Amino acid sequence: MIIRIQTPTMTAGQLHDIYIMQVREEFEHNISQQIYVSEDLWRY
């Protein structure tokens, strides 16, 4: 994640905010996959 999102002019606060946002977006993008996997895996 850091390699993809970090830029030289970015501050730590910006990196933090973008990292959190990217993780949540990635998760939301894949949330529908839960119907194809076990409940245990989805909890993981």
ModelCIF file with pLDDT and N, C-alpha, C, O atoms, coordinates in Angstrom:
data_MODEL
#
_entry.id   MODEL 
#
_entity.id                         1 
_entity.type                       polymer 
_entity.pdbx_number_of_molecules   1 
#
_entity_poly.entity_id                      1 
_entity_poly.type                           'polypeptide(L)' 
_entity_poly.nstd_linkage                   no 
_entity_poly.nstd_monomer                   no 
_entity_poly.pdbx_seq_one_letter_code       MIIRIQTPTMTAGQLHDIYIMQVREEFEHNISQQIYVSEDLWRY 
_entity_poly.pdbx_seq_one_letter_code_can   MIIRIQTPTMTAGQLHDIYIMQVREEFEHNISQQIYVSEDLWRY 
_entity_poly.pdbx_strand_id                 A 
#
loop_
_entity_poly_seq.entity_id 
_entity_poly_seq.num 
_entity_poly_seq.mon_id 
_entity_poly_seq.hetero 
1 1  MET n 
1 2  ILE n 
1 3  ILE n 
1 4  ARG n 
1 5  ILE n 
1 6  GLN n 
1 7  THR n 
1 8  PRO n 
1 9  THR n 
1 10 MET n 
1 11 THR n 
1 12 ALA n 
1 13 GLY n 
1 14 GLN n 
1 15 LEU n 
1 16 HIS n 
1 17 ASP n 
1 18 ILE n 
1 19 TYR n 
1 20 ILE n 
1 21 MET n 
1 22 GLN n 
1 23 VAL n 
1 24 ARG n 
1 25 GLU n 
1 26 GLU n 
1 27 PHE n 
1 28 GLU n 
1 29 HIS n 
1 30 ASN n 
1 31 ILE n 
1 32 SER n 
1 33 GLN n 
1 34 GLN n 
1 35 ILE n 
1 36 TYR n 
1 37 VAL n 
1 38 SER n 
1 39 GLU n 
1 40 ASP n 
1 41 LEU n 
1 42 TRP n 
1 43 ARG n 
1 44 TYR n 
#
_struct_asym.id          A 
_struct_asym.entity_id   1 
#
loop_
_ma_qa_metric.id 
_ma_qa_metric.mode 
_ma_qa_metric.name 
_ma_qa_metric.software_group_id 
_ma_qa_metric.type 
1 global pLDDT . pLDDT 
2 local  pLDDT . pLDDT 
#
_ma_qa_metric_global.metric_id      1 
_ma_qa_metric_global.metric_value   94.59 
_ma_qa_metric_global.model_id       1 
_ma_qa_metric_global.ordinal_id     1 
#
loop_
_ma_qa_metric_local.label_asym_id 
_ma_qa_metric_local.label_comp_id 
_ma_qa_metric_local.label_seq_id 
_ma_qa_metric_local.metric_id 
_ma_qa_metric_local.metric_value 
_ma_qa_metric_local.model_id 
_ma_qa_metric_local.ordinal_id 
A MET 1  2 93.00 1 1  
A ILE 2  2 93.00 1 2  
A ILE 3  2 92.00 1 3  
A ARG 4  2 93.00 1 4  
A ILE 5  2 93.00 1 5  
A GLN 6  2 91.00 1 6  
A THR 7  2 91.00 1 7  
A PRO 8  2 90.00 1 8  
A THR 9  2 93.00 1 9  
A MET 10 2 94.00 1 10 
A THR 11 2 96.00 1 11 
A ALA 12 2 95.00 1 12 
A GLY 13 2 96.00 1 13 
A GLN 14 2 96.00 1 14 
A LEU 15 2 96.00 1 15 
A HIS 16 2 97.00 1 16 
A ASP 17 2 96.00 1 17 
A ILE 18 2 96.00 1 18 
A TYR 19 2 96.00 1 19 
A ILE 20 2 96.00 1 20 
A MET 21 2 97.00 1 21 
A GLN 22 2 96.00 1 22 
A VAL 23 2 96.00 1 23 
A ARG 24 2 96.00 1 24 
A GLU 25 2 96.00 1 25 
A GLU 26 2 95.00 1 26 
A PHE 27 2 96.00 1 27 
A GLU 28 2 96.00 1 28 
A HIS 29 2 95.00 1 29 
A ASN 30 2 95.00 1 30 
A ILE 31 2 95.00 1 31 
A SER 32 2 94.00 1 32 
A GLN 33 2 94.00 1 33 
A GLN 34 2 94.00 1 34 
A ILE 35 2 93.00 1 35 
A TYR 36 2 91.00 1 36 
A VAL 37 2 93.00 1 37 
A SER 38 2 93.00 1 38 
A GLU 39 2 96.00 1 39 
A ASP 40 2 95.00 1 40 
A LEU 41 2 96.00 1 41 
A TRP 42 2 96.00 1 42 
A ARG 43 2 96.00 1 43 
A TYR 44 2 95.00 1 44 
#
loop_
_atom_site.group_PDB 
_atom_site.id 
_atom_site.type_symbol 
_atom_site.label_atom_id 
_atom_site.label_alt_id 
_atom_site.label_comp_id 
_atom_site.label_asym_id 
_atom_site.label_entity_id 
_atom_site.label_seq_id 
_atom_site.pdbx_PDB_ins_code 
_atom_site.Cartn_x 
_atom_site.Cartn_y 
_atom_site.Cartn_z 
_atom_site.occupancy 
_atom_site.B_iso_or_equiv 
_atom_site.pdbx_formal_charge 
_atom_site.auth_seq_id 
_atom_site.auth_comp_id 
_atom_site.auth_asym_id 
_atom_site.auth_atom_id 
_atom_site.pdbx_PDB_model_num 
ATOM 1   N N  . MET A 1 1  ? 0.815   -1.211  0.000  1.00 93.00 ? 1  MET A N  1 
ATOM 2   C CA . MET A 1 1  ? 0.000   0.000   0.000  1.00 93.00 ? 1  MET A CA 1 
ATOM 3   C C  . MET A 1 1  ? 0.854   1.268   0.000  1.00 93.00 ? 1  MET A C  1 
ATOM 4   O O  . MET A 1 1  ? 0.559   2.213   -0.731 1.00 93.00 ? 1  MET A O  1 
ATOM 5   N N  . ILE A 1 2  ? 1.884   1.291   0.797  1.00 93.00 ? 2  ILE A N  1 
ATOM 6   C CA . ILE A 1 2  ? 2.711   2.507   0.905  1.00 93.00 ? 2  ILE A CA 1 
ATOM 7   C C  . ILE A 1 2  ? 3.380   2.828   -0.423 1.00 93.00 ? 2  ILE A C  1 
ATOM 8   O O  . ILE A 1 2  ? 3.458   3.990   -0.820 1.00 93.00 ? 2  ILE A O  1 
ATOM 9   N N  . ILE A 1 3  ? 3.857   1.808   -1.101 1.00 92.00 ? 3  ILE A N  1 
ATOM 10  C CA . ILE A 1 3  ? 4.507   2.030   -2.394 1.00 92.00 ? 3  ILE A CA 1 
ATOM 11  C C  . ILE A 1 3  ? 3.531   2.650   -3.387 1.00 92.00 ? 3  ILE A C  1 
ATOM 12  O O  . ILE A 1 3  ? 3.912   3.515   -4.176 1.00 92.00 ? 3  ILE A O  1 
ATOM 13  N N  . ARG A 1 4  ? 2.278   2.212   -3.352 1.00 93.00 ? 4  ARG A N  1 
ATOM 14  C CA . ARG A 1 4  ? 1.280   2.717   -4.301 1.00 93.00 ? 4  ARG A CA 1 
ATOM 15  C C  . ARG A 1 4  ? 0.807   4.130   -3.997 1.00 93.00 ? 4  ARG A C  1 
ATOM 16  O O  . ARG A 1 4  ? 0.547   4.903   -4.919 1.00 93.00 ? 4  ARG A O  1 
ATOM 17  N N  . ILE A 1 5  ? 0.691   4.478   -2.720 1.00 93.00 ? 5  ILE A N  1 
ATOM 18  C CA . ILE A 1 5  ? 0.014   5.745   -2.418 1.00 93.00 ? 5  ILE A CA 1 
ATOM 19  C C  . ILE A 1 5  ? 0.928   6.885   -1.995 1.00 93.00 ? 5  ILE A C  1 
ATOM 20  O O  . ILE A 1 5  ? 0.540   8.049   -2.094 1.00 93.00 ? 5  ILE A O  1 
ATOM 21  N N  . GLN A 1 6  ? 2.104   6.586   -1.537 1.00 91.00 ? 6  GLN A N  1 
ATOM 22  C CA . GLN A 1 6  ? 2.967   7.654   -1.015 1.00 91.00 ? 6  GLN A CA 1 
ATOM 23  C C  . GLN A 1 6  ? 3.601   8.469   -2.145 1.00 91.00 ? 6  GLN A C  1 
ATOM 24  O O  . GLN A 1 6  ? 4.064   7.926   -3.148 1.00 91.00 ? 6  GLN A O  1 
ATOM 25  N N  . THR A 1 7  ? 3.605   9.797   -1.946 1.00 91.00 ? 7  THR A N  1 
ATOM 26  C CA . THR A 1 7  ? 4.287   10.712  -2.865 1.00 91.00 ? 7  THR A CA 1 
ATOM 27  C C  . THR A 1 7  ? 5.297   11.518  -2.062 1.00 91.00 ? 7  THR A C  1 
ATOM 28  O O  . THR A 1 7  ? 5.151   11.630  -0.845 1.00 91.00 ? 7  THR A O  1 
ATOM 29  N N  . PRO A 1 8  ? 6.312   12.080  -2.699 1.00 90.00 ? 8  PRO A N  1 
ATOM 30  C CA . PRO A 1 8  ? 7.360   12.800  -1.973 1.00 90.00 ? 8  PRO A CA 1 
ATOM 31  C C  . PRO A 1 8  ? 6.860   14.024  -1.194 1.00 90.00 ? 8  PRO A C  1 
ATOM 32  O O  . PRO A 1 8  ? 7.444   14.370  -0.167 1.00 90.00 ? 8  PRO A O  1 
ATOM 33  N N  . THR A 1 9  ? 5.820   14.666  -1.649 1.00 93.00 ? 9  THR A N  1 
ATOM 34  C CA . THR A 1 9  ? 5.353   15.885  -0.976 1.00 93.00 ? 9  THR A CA 1 
ATOM 35  C C  . THR A 1 9  ? 4.293   15.614  0.079  1.00 93.00 ? 9  THR A C  1 
ATOM 36  O O  . THR A 1 9  ? 3.795   16.554  0.698  1.00 93.00 ? 9  THR A O  1 
ATOM 37  N N  . MET A 1 10 ? 3.945   14.389  0.295  1.00 94.00 ? 10 MET A N  1 
ATOM 38  C CA . MET A 1 10 ? 2.868   14.021  1.210  1.00 94.00 ? 10 MET A CA 1 
ATOM 39  C C  . MET A 1 10 ? 3.324   14.126  2.658  1.00 94.00 ? 10 MET A C  1 
ATOM 40  O O  . MET A 1 10 ? 4.479   13.847  2.979  1.00 94.00 ? 10 MET A O  1 
ATOM 41  N N  . THR A 1 11 ? 2.395   14.536  3.536  1.00 96.00 ? 11 THR A N  1 
ATOM 42  C CA . THR A 1 11 ? 2.680   14.561  4.974  1.00 96.00 ? 11 THR A CA 1 
ATOM 43  C C  . THR A 1 11 ? 2.202   13.253  5.597  1.00 96.00 ? 11 THR A C  1 
ATOM 44  O O  . THR A 1 11 ? 1.474   12.479  4.976  1.00 96.00 ? 11 THR A O  1 
ATOM 45  N N  . ALA A 1 12 ? 2.626   13.027  6.832  1.00 95.00 ? 12 ALA A N  1 
ATOM 46  C CA . ALA A 1 12 ? 2.220   11.810  7.542  1.00 95.00 ? 12 ALA A CA 1 
ATOM 47  C C  . ALA A 1 12 ? 0.704   11.773  7.708  1.00 95.00 ? 12 ALA A C  1 
ATOM 48  O O  . ALA A 1 12 ? 0.096   10.711  7.572  1.00 95.00 ? 12 ALA A O  1 
ATOM 49  N N  . GLY A 1 13 ? 0.088   12.914  8.001  1.00 96.00 ? 13 GLY A N  1 
ATOM 50  C CA . GLY A 1 13 ? -1.361  12.976  8.151  1.00 96.00 ? 13 GLY A CA 1 
ATOM 51  C C  . GLY A 1 13 ? -2.074  12.615  6.856  1.00 96.00 ? 13 GLY A C  1 
ATOM 52  O O  . GLY A 1 13 ? -3.081  11.907  6.869  1.00 96.00 ? 13 GLY A O  1 
ATOM 53  N N  . GLN A 1 14 ? -1.550  13.101  5.748  1.00 96.00 ? 14 GLN A N  1 
ATOM 54  C CA . GLN A 1 14 ? -2.155  12.777  4.448  1.00 96.00 ? 14 GLN A CA 1 
ATOM 55  C C  . GLN A 1 14 ? -2.001  11.294  4.133  1.00 96.00 ? 14 GLN A C  1 
ATOM 56  O O  . GLN A 1 14 ? -2.936  10.650  3.656  1.00 96.00 ? 14 GLN A O  1 
ATOM 57  N N  . LEU A 1 15 ? -0.819  10.761  4.404  1.00 96.00 ? 15 LEU A N  1 
ATOM 58  C CA . LEU A 1 15 ? -0.582  9.333   4.169  1.00 96.00 ? 15 LEU A CA 1 
ATOM 59  C C  . LEU A 1 15 ? -1.548  8.491   5.000  1.00 96.00 ? 15 LEU A C  1 
ATOM 60  O O  . LEU A 1 15 ? -2.141  7.534   4.503  1.00 96.00 ? 15 LEU A O  1 
ATOM 61  N N  . HIS A 1 16 ? -1.693  8.858   6.261  1.00 97.00 ? 16 HIS A N  1 
ATOM 62  C CA . HIS A 1 16 ? -2.606  8.132   7.141  1.00 97.00 ? 16 HIS A CA 1 
ATOM 63  C C  . HIS A 1 16 ? -4.025  8.156   6.586  1.00 97.00 ? 16 HIS A C  1 
ATOM 64  O O  . HIS A 1 16 ? -4.671  7.114   6.474  1.00 97.00 ? 16 HIS A O  1 
ATOM 65  N N  . ASP A 1 17 ? -4.506  9.336   6.242  1.00 96.00 ? 17 ASP A N  1 
ATOM 66  C CA . ASP A 1 17 ? -5.880  9.476   5.743  1.00 96.00 ? 17 ASP A CA 1 
ATOM 67  C C  . ASP A 1 17 ? -6.088  8.686   4.451  1.00 96.00 ? 17 ASP A C  1 
ATOM 68  O O  . ASP A 1 17 ? -7.097  7.998   4.296  1.00 96.00 ? 17 ASP A O  1 
ATOM 69  N N  . ILE A 1 18 ? -5.147  8.782   3.537  1.00 96.00 ? 18 ILE A N  1 
ATOM 70  C CA . ILE A 1 18 ? -5.291  8.079   2.257  1.00 96.00 ? 18 ILE A CA 1 
ATOM 71  C C  . ILE A 1 18 ? -5.196  6.566   2.458  1.00 96.00 ? 18 ILE A C  1 
ATOM 72  O O  . ILE A 1 18 ? -5.932  5.807   1.828  1.00 96.00 ? 18 ILE A O  1 
ATOM 73  N N  . TYR A 1 19 ? -4.292  6.130   3.332  1.00 96.00 ? 19 TYR A N  1 
ATOM 74  C CA . TYR A 1 19 ? -4.150  4.694   3.602  1.00 96.00 ? 19 TYR A CA 1 
ATOM 75  C C  . TYR A 1 19 ? -5.467  4.134   4.136  1.00 96.00 ? 19 TYR A C  1 
ATOM 76  O O  . TYR A 1 19 ? -5.956  3.115   3.648  1.00 96.00 ? 19 TYR A O  1 
ATOM 77  N N  . ILE A 1 20 ? -6.036  4.799   5.138  1.00 96.00 ? 20 ILE A N  1 
ATOM 78  C CA . ILE A 1 20 ? -7.292  4.343   5.728  1.00 96.00 ? 20 ILE A CA 1 
ATOM 79  C C  . ILE A 1 20 ? -8.393  4.315   4.663  1.00 96.00 ? 20 ILE A C  1 
ATOM 80  O O  . ILE A 1 20 ? -9.154  3.353   4.570  1.00 96.00 ? 20 ILE A O  1 
ATOM 81  N N  . MET A 1 21 ? -8.465  5.375   3.870  1.00 97.00 ? 21 MET A N  1 
ATOM 82  C CA . MET A 1 21 ? -9.484  5.467   2.829  1.00 97.00 ? 21 MET A CA 1 
ATOM 83  C C  . MET A 1 21 ? -9.312  4.340   1.796  1.00 97.00 ? 21 MET A C  1 
ATOM 84  O O  . MET A 1 21 ? -10.291 3.724   1.377  1.00 97.00 ? 21 MET A O  1 
ATOM 85  N N  . GLN A 1 22 ? -8.081  4.083   1.398  1.00 96.00 ? 22 GLN A N  1 
ATOM 86  C CA . GLN A 1 22 ? -7.817  3.043   0.393  1.00 96.00 ? 22 GLN A CA 1 
ATOM 87  C C  . GLN A 1 22 ? -8.193  1.653   0.909  1.00 96.00 ? 22 GLN A C  1 
ATOM 88  O O  . GLN A 1 22 ? -8.769  0.853   0.172  1.00 96.00 ? 22 GLN A O  1 
ATOM 89  N N  . VAL A 1 23 ? -7.872  1.364   2.162  1.00 96.00 ? 23 VAL A N  1 
ATOM 90  C CA . VAL A 1 23 ? -8.209  0.055   2.729  1.00 96.00 ? 23 VAL A CA 1 
ATOM 91  C C  . VAL A 1 23 ? -9.722  -0.117  2.746  1.00 96.00 ? 23 VAL A C  1 
ATOM 92  O O  . VAL A 1 23 ? -10.242 -1.172  2.382  1.00 96.00 ? 23 VAL A O  1 
ATOM 93  N N  . ARG A 1 24 ? -10.418 0.923   3.171  1.00 96.00 ? 24 ARG A N  1 
ATOM 94  C CA . ARG A 1 24 ? -11.888 0.837   3.216  1.00 96.00 ? 24 ARG A CA 1 
ATOM 95  C C  . ARG A 1 24 ? -12.481 0.696   1.819  1.00 96.00 ? 24 ARG A C  1 
ATOM 96  O O  . ARG A 1 24 ? -13.429 -0.064  1.625  1.00 96.00 ? 24 ARG A O  1 
ATOM 97  N N  . GLU A 1 25 ? -11.940 1.411   0.854  1.00 96.00 ? 25 GLU A N  1 
ATOM 98  C CA . GLU A 1 25 ? -12.435 1.301   -0.522 1.00 96.00 ? 25 GLU A CA 1 
ATOM 99  C C  . GLU A 1 25 ? -12.183 -0.092  -1.086 1.00 96.00 ? 25 GLU A C  1 
ATOM 100 O O  . GLU A 1 25 ? -13.053 -0.684  -1.724 1.00 96.00 ? 25 GLU A O  1 
ATOM 101 N N  . GLU A 1 26 ? -10.983 -0.607  -0.842 1.00 95.00 ? 26 GLU A N  1 
ATOM 102 C CA . GLU A 1 26 ? -10.663 -1.970  -1.318 1.00 95.00 ? 26 GLU A CA 1 
ATOM 103 C C  . GLU A 1 26 ? -11.633 -2.976  -0.700 1.00 95.00 ? 26 GLU A C  1 
ATOM 104 O O  . GLU A 1 26 ? -12.122 -3.876  -1.383 1.00 95.00 ? 26 GLU A O  1 
ATOM 105 N N  . PHE A 1 27 ? -11.905 -2.818  0.588  1.00 96.00 ? 27 PHE A N  1 
ATOM 106 C CA . PHE A 1 27 ? -12.815 -3.731  1.277  1.00 96.00 ? 27 PHE A CA 1 
ATOM 107 C C  . PHE A 1 27 ? -14.221 -3.628  0.688  1.00 96.00 ? 27 PHE A C  1 
ATOM 108 O O  . PHE A 1 27 ? -14.842 -4.644  0.377  1.00 96.00 ? 27 PHE A O  1 
ATOM 109 N N  . GLU A 1 28 ? -14.717 -2.411  0.538  1.00 96.00 ? 28 GLU A N  1 
ATOM 110 C CA . GLU A 1 28 ? -16.059 -2.212  -0.015 1.00 96.00 ? 28 GLU A CA 1 
ATOM 111 C C  . GLU A 1 28 ? -16.164 -2.760  -1.435 1.00 96.00 ? 28 GLU A C  1 
ATOM 112 O O  . GLU A 1 28 ? -17.213 -3.260  -1.839 1.00 96.00 ? 28 GLU A O  1 
ATOM 113 N N  . HIS A 1 29 ? -15.086 -2.665  -2.176 1.00 95.00 ? 29 HIS A N  1 
ATOM 114 C CA . HIS A 1 29 ? -15.069 -3.186  -3.541 1.00 95.00 ? 29 HIS A CA 1 
ATOM 115 C C  . HIS A 1 29 ? -15.216 -4.713  -3.555 1.00 95.00 ? 29 HIS A C  1 
ATOM 116 O O  . HIS A 1 29 ? -15.734 -5.284  -4.515 1.00 95.00 ? 29 HIS A O  1 
ATOM 117 N N  . ASN A 1 30 ? -14.759 -5.360  -2.490 1.00 95.00 ? 30 ASN A N  1 
ATOM 118 C CA . ASN A 1 30 ? -14.771 -6.826  -2.438 1.00 95.00 ? 30 ASN A CA 1 
ATOM 119 C C  . ASN A 1 30 ? -15.804 -7.404  -1.476 1.00 95.00 ? 30 ASN A C  1 
ATOM 120 O O  . ASN A 1 30 ? -15.821 -8.612  -1.240 1.00 95.00 ? 30 ASN A O  1 
ATOM 121 N N  . ILE A 1 31 ? -16.647 -6.571  -0.932 1.00 95.00 ? 31 ILE A N  1 
ATOM 122 C CA . ILE A 1 31 ? -17.582 -7.034  0.101  1.00 95.00 ? 31 ILE A CA 1 
ATOM 123 C C  . ILE A 1 31 ? -18.562 -8.089  -0.420 1.00 95.00 ? 31 ILE A C  1 
ATOM 124 O O  . ILE A 1 31 ? -19.010 -8.944  0.343  1.00 95.00 ? 31 ILE A O  1 
ATOM 125 N N  . SER A 1 32 ? -18.890 -8.038  -1.685 1.00 94.00 ? 32 SER A N  1 
ATOM 126 C CA . SER A 1 32 ? -19.840 -9.011  -2.231 1.00 94.00 ? 32 SER A CA 1 
ATOM 127 C C  . SER A 1 32 ? -19.264 -10.426 -2.292 1.00 94.00 ? 32 SER A C  1 
ATOM 128 O O  . SER A 1 32 ? -20.014 -11.386 -2.468 1.00 94.00 ? 32 SER A O  1 
ATOM 129 N N  . GLN A 1 33 ? -17.975 -10.565 -2.151 1.00 94.00 ? 33 GLN A N  1 
ATOM 130 C CA . GLN A 1 33 ? -17.350 -11.889 -2.223 1.00 94.00 ? 33 GLN A CA 1 
ATOM 131 C C  . GLN A 1 33 ? -17.704 -12.765 -1.026 1.00 94.00 ? 33 GLN A C  1 
ATOM 132 O O  . GLN A 1 33 ? -17.493 -13.977 -1.050 1.00 94.00 ? 33 GLN A O  1 
ATOM 133 N N  . GLN A 1 34 ? -18.242 -12.144 0.016  1.00 94.00 ? 34 GLN A N  1 
ATOM 134 C CA . GLN A 1 34 ? -18.572 -12.910 1.220  1.00 94.00 ? 34 GLN A CA 1 
ATOM 135 C C  . GLN A 1 34 ? -19.610 -13.995 0.962  1.00 94.00 ? 34 GLN A C  1 
ATOM 136 O O  . GLN A 1 34 ? -19.674 -14.973 1.707  1.00 94.00 ? 34 GLN A O  1 
ATOM 137 N N  . ILE A 1 35 ? -20.419 -13.839 -0.074 1.00 93.00 ? 35 ILE A N  1 
ATOM 138 C CA . ILE A 1 35 ? -21.449 -14.853 -0.323 1.00 93.00 ? 35 ILE A CA 1 
ATOM 139 C C  . ILE A 1 35 ? -20.865 -16.149 -0.903 1.00 93.00 ? 35 ILE A C  1 
ATOM 140 O O  . ILE A 1 35 ? -21.546 -17.174 -0.939 1.00 93.00 ? 35 ILE A O  1 
ATOM 141 N N  . TYR A 1 36 ? -19.624 -16.102 -1.350 1.00 91.00 ? 36 TYR A N  1 
ATOM 142 C CA . TYR A 1 36 ? -19.006 -17.277 -1.969 1.00 91.00 ? 36 TYR A CA 1 
ATOM 143 C C  . TYR A 1 36 ? -18.034 -18.005 -1.043 1.00 91.00 ? 36 TYR A C  1 
ATOM 144 O O  . TYR A 1 36 ? -17.565 -19.094 -1.376 1.00 91.00 ? 36 TYR A O  1 
ATOM 145 N N  . VAL A 1 37 ? -17.727 -17.422 0.107  1.00 93.00 ? 37 VAL A N  1 
ATOM 146 C CA . VAL A 1 37 ? -16.747 -18.033 1.009  1.00 93.00 ? 37 VAL A CA 1 
ATOM 147 C C  . VAL A 1 37 ? -17.411 -18.372 2.335  1.00 93.00 ? 37 VAL A C  1 
ATOM 148 O O  . VAL A 1 37 ? -18.532 -17.945 2.612  1.00 93.00 ? 37 VAL A O  1 
ATOM 149 N N  . SER A 1 38 ? -16.706 -19.143 3.146  1.00 93.00 ? 38 SER A N  1 
ATOM 150 C CA . SER A 1 38 ? -17.269 -19.555 4.432  1.00 93.00 ? 38 SER A CA 1 
ATOM 151 C C  . SER A 1 38 ? -17.354 -18.367 5.388  1.00 93.00 ? 38 SER A C  1 
ATOM 152 O O  . SER A 1 38 ? -16.660 -17.362 5.230  1.00 93.00 ? 38 SER A O  1 
ATOM 153 N N  . GLU A 1 39 ? -18.216 -18.514 6.369  1.00 96.00 ? 39 GLU A N  1 
ATOM 154 C CA . GLU A 1 39 ? -18.357 -17.462 7.382  1.00 96.00 ? 39 GLU A CA 1 
ATOM 155 C C  . GLU A 1 39 ? -17.059 -17.285 8.159  1.00 96.00 ? 39 GLU A C  1 
ATOM 156 O O  . GLU A 1 39 ? -16.695 -16.165 8.516  1.00 96.00 ? 39 GLU A O  1 
ATOM 157 N N  . ASP A 1 40 ? -16.366 -18.377 8.418  1.00 95.00 ? 40 ASP A N  1 
ATOM 158 C CA . ASP A 1 40 ? -15.092 -18.287 9.147  1.00 95.00 ? 40 ASP A CA 1 
ATOM 159 C C  . ASP A 1 40 ? -14.072 -17.466 8.365  1.00 95.00 ? 40 ASP A C  1 
ATOM 160 O O  . ASP A 1 40 ? -13.399 -16.604 8.930  1.00 95.00 ? 40 ASP A O  1 
ATOM 161 N N  . LEU A 1 41 ? -13.959 -17.732 7.074  1.00 96.00 ? 41 LEU A N  1 
ATOM 162 C CA . LEU A 1 41 ? -13.015 -16.972 6.261  1.00 96.00 ? 41 LEU A CA 1 
ATOM 163 C C  . LEU A 1 41 ? -13.412 -15.501 6.230  1.00 96.00 ? 41 LEU A C  1 
ATOM 164 O O  . LEU A 1 41 ? -12.557 -14.623 6.339  1.00 96.00 ? 41 LEU A O  1 
ATOM 165 N N  . TRP A 1 42 ? -14.690 -15.235 6.083  1.00 96.00 ? 42 TRP A N  1 
ATOM 166 C CA . TRP A 1 42 ? -15.112 -13.837 6.029  1.00 96.00 ? 42 TRP A CA 1 
ATOM 167 C C  . TRP A 1 42 ? -14.787 -13.128 7.343  1.00 96.00 ? 42 TRP A C  1 
ATOM 168 O O  . TRP A 1 42 ? -14.394 -11.961 7.337  1.00 96.00 ? 42 TRP A O  1 
ATOM 169 N N  . ARG A 1 43 ? -14.948 -13.823 8.467  1.00 96.00 ? 43 ARG A N  1 
ATOM 170 C CA . ARG A 1 43 ? -14.570 -13.220 9.762  1.00 96.00 ? 43 ARG A CA 1 
ATOM 171 C C  . ARG A 1 43 ? -13.069 -12.908 9.786  1.00 96.00 ? 43 ARG A C  1 
ATOM 172 O O  . ARG A 1 43 ? -12.664 -11.867 10.304 1.00 96.00 ? 43 ARG A O  1 
ATOM 173 N N  . TYR A 1 44 ? -12.253 -13.789 9.237  1.00 95.00 ? 44 TYR A N  1 
ATOM 174 C CA . TYR A 1 44 ? -10.818 -13.531 9.149  1.00 95.00 ? 44 TYR A CA 1 
ATOM 175 C C  . TYR A 1 44 ? -10.537 -12.296 8.290  1.00 95.00 ? 44 TYR A C  1 
ATOM 176 O O  . TYR A 1 44 ? -9.378  -11.925 8.103  1.00 95.00 ? 44 TYR A O  1 
#
